[in-house]
Amino acid sequence: MKFSSNGYYVEKYEKCSVCGKLVYEERIEQVNLKEEPALYCSEWCVEWEKKREKIKQEALVESN
């Protein structure tokens, strides 16, 4: 969530790109696995995105 300069109202609602939780002041901004800018609410979500992609790749290999 991005607050106005005076802090009285919300200018923009920002959500974690993994879990959808509203992100307040503590945020992690970095490039995701698709080389796009992404916003994360915690280090757990950063790691989960990597693990989820690994699990998907393993499932594809096993199905072939």
C-alpha atoms as a PDB file:
ATOM      1  CA  MET A   1       0.000   0.000   0.000  1.00  0.00           C
ATOM      2  CA  LYS A   2       1.394   3.385  -0.870  1.00  0.00           C
ATOM      3  CA  PHE A   3       0.325   6.160   1.458  1.00  0.00           C
ATOM      4  CA  SER A   4       0.063   9.802   0.428  1.00  0.00           C
ATOM      5  CA  SER A   5       2.847  12.178   1.362  1.00  0.00           C
ATOM      6  CA  ASN A   6       0.845  13.437   4.353  1.00  0.00           C
ATOM      7  CA  GLY A   7      -0.129   9.870   5.345  1.00  0.00           C
ATOM      8  CA  TYR A   8      -3.869  10.525   5.503  1.00  0.00           C
ATOM      9  CA  TYR A   9      -5.026   8.339   2.634  1.00  0.00           C
ATOM     10  CA  VAL A  10      -3.913   5.472   0.422  1.00  0.00           C
ATOM     11  CA  GLU A  11      -2.646   6.459  -3.035  1.00  0.00           C
ATOM     12  CA  LYS A  12      -2.183   2.943  -4.361  1.00  0.00           C
ATOM     13  CA  TYR A  13      -2.949  -0.580  -3.156  1.00  0.00           C
ATOM     14  CA  GLU A  14      -0.005  -2.879  -3.825  1.00  0.00           C
ATOM     15  CA  LYS A  15      -0.181  -6.651  -3.441  1.00  0.00           C
ATOM     16  CA  CYS A  16       2.411  -9.396  -3.176  1.00  0.00           C
ATOM     17  CA  SER A  17       2.813 -11.071  -6.556  1.00  0.00           C
ATOM     18  CA  VAL A  18       2.805 -14.539  -4.933  1.00  0.00           C
ATOM     19  CA  CYS A  19       0.175 -14.569  -2.180  1.00  0.00           C
ATOM     20  CA  GLY A  20      -1.804 -11.406  -2.897  1.00  0.00           C
ATOM     21  CA  LYS A  21      -1.358  -9.942   0.588  1.00  0.00           C
ATOM     22  CA  LEU A  22      -1.381  -6.144   0.774  1.00  0.00           C
ATOM     23  CA  VAL A  23       2.178  -4.875   1.069  1.00  0.00           C
ATOM     24  CA  TYR A  24       2.748  -1.989   3.467  1.00  0.00           C
ATOM     25  CA  GLU A  25       6.136  -0.475   4.286  1.00  0.00           C
ATOM     26  CA  GLU A  26       8.242  -3.640   4.492  1.00  0.00           C
ATOM     27  CA  ARG A  27       8.618  -4.831   0.934  1.00  0.00           C
ATOM     28  CA  ILE A  28      10.935  -6.739  -1.335  1.00  0.00           C
ATOM     29  CA  GLU A  29      11.157  -5.475  -4.894  1.00  0.00           C
ATOM     30  CA  GLN A  30      13.132  -7.600  -7.328  1.00  0.00           C
ATOM     31  CA  VAL A  31      12.975  -9.304 -10.696  1.00  0.00           C
ATOM     32  CA  ASN A  32      10.902 -12.510 -10.739  1.00  0.00           C
ATOM     33  CA  LEU A  33      11.637 -15.731 -12.626  1.00  0.00           C
ATOM     34  CA  LYS A  34      10.111 -14.306 -15.820  1.00  0.00           C
ATOM     35  CA  GLU A  35      12.548 -11.356 -15.693  1.00  0.00           C
ATOM     36  CA  GLU A  36       9.754  -8.924 -14.768  1.00  0.00           C
ATOM     37  CA  PRO A  37       9.725  -6.542 -11.791  1.00  0.00           C
ATOM     38  CA  ALA A  38       7.794  -8.044  -8.887  1.00  0.00           C
ATOM     39  CA  LEU A  39       6.734  -7.068  -5.385  1.00  0.00           C
ATOM     40  CA  TYR A  40       6.920  -9.539  -2.486  1.00  0.00           C
ATOM     41  CA  CYS A  41       5.644  -9.248   1.090  1.00  0.00           C
ATOM     42  CA  SER A  42       8.309 -11.507   2.632  1.00  0.00           C
ATOM     43  CA  GLU A  43      11.371 -13.607   1.947  1.00  0.00           C
ATOM     44  CA  TRP A  44       9.118 -16.674   2.264  1.00  0.00           C
ATOM     45  CA  CYS A  45       7.178 -15.618  -0.854  1.00  0.00           C
ATOM     46  CA  VAL A  46      10.422 -15.068  -2.784  1.00  0.00           C
ATOM     47  CA  GLU A  47      11.576 -18.598  -1.912  1.00  0.00           C
ATOM     48  CA  TRP A  48       8.134 -20.135  -2.517  1.00  0.00           C
ATOM     49  CA  GLU A  49       8.010 -18.772  -6.057  1.00  0.00           C
ATOM     50  CA  LYS A  50      11.353 -20.488  -6.805  1.00  0.00           C
ATOM     51  CA  LYS A  51      10.240 -23.765  -5.182  1.00  0.00           C
ATOM     52  CA  ARG A  52       6.881 -23.717  -6.970  1.00  0.00           C
ATOM     53  CA  GLU A  53       8.563 -23.327 -10.341  1.00  0.00           C
ATOM     54  CA  LYS A  54      10.968 -26.181  -9.532  1.00  0.00           C
ATOM     55  CA  ILE A  55       8.041 -28.445  -8.566  1.00  0.00           C
ATOM     56  CA  LYS A  56       6.254 -27.598 -11.838  1.00  0.00           C
ATOM     57  CA  GLN A  57       9.353 -28.437 -13.875  1.00  0.00           C
ATOM     58  CA  GLU A  58       9.820 -31.759 -12.054  1.00  0.00           C
ATOM     59  CA  ALA A  59       6.168 -32.663 -12.687  1.00  0.00           C
ATOM     60  CA  LEU A  60       6.581 -31.940 -16.405  1.00  0.00           C
ATOM     61  CA  VAL A  61       9.652 -34.166 -16.612  1.00  0.00           C
ATOM     62  CA  GLU A  62       7.910 -36.998 -14.762  1.00  0.00           C
ATOM     63  CA  SER A  63       4.817 -36.811 -16.987  1.00  0.00           C
ATOM     64  CA  ASN A  64       6.893 -37.255 -20.167  1.00  0.00           C
END
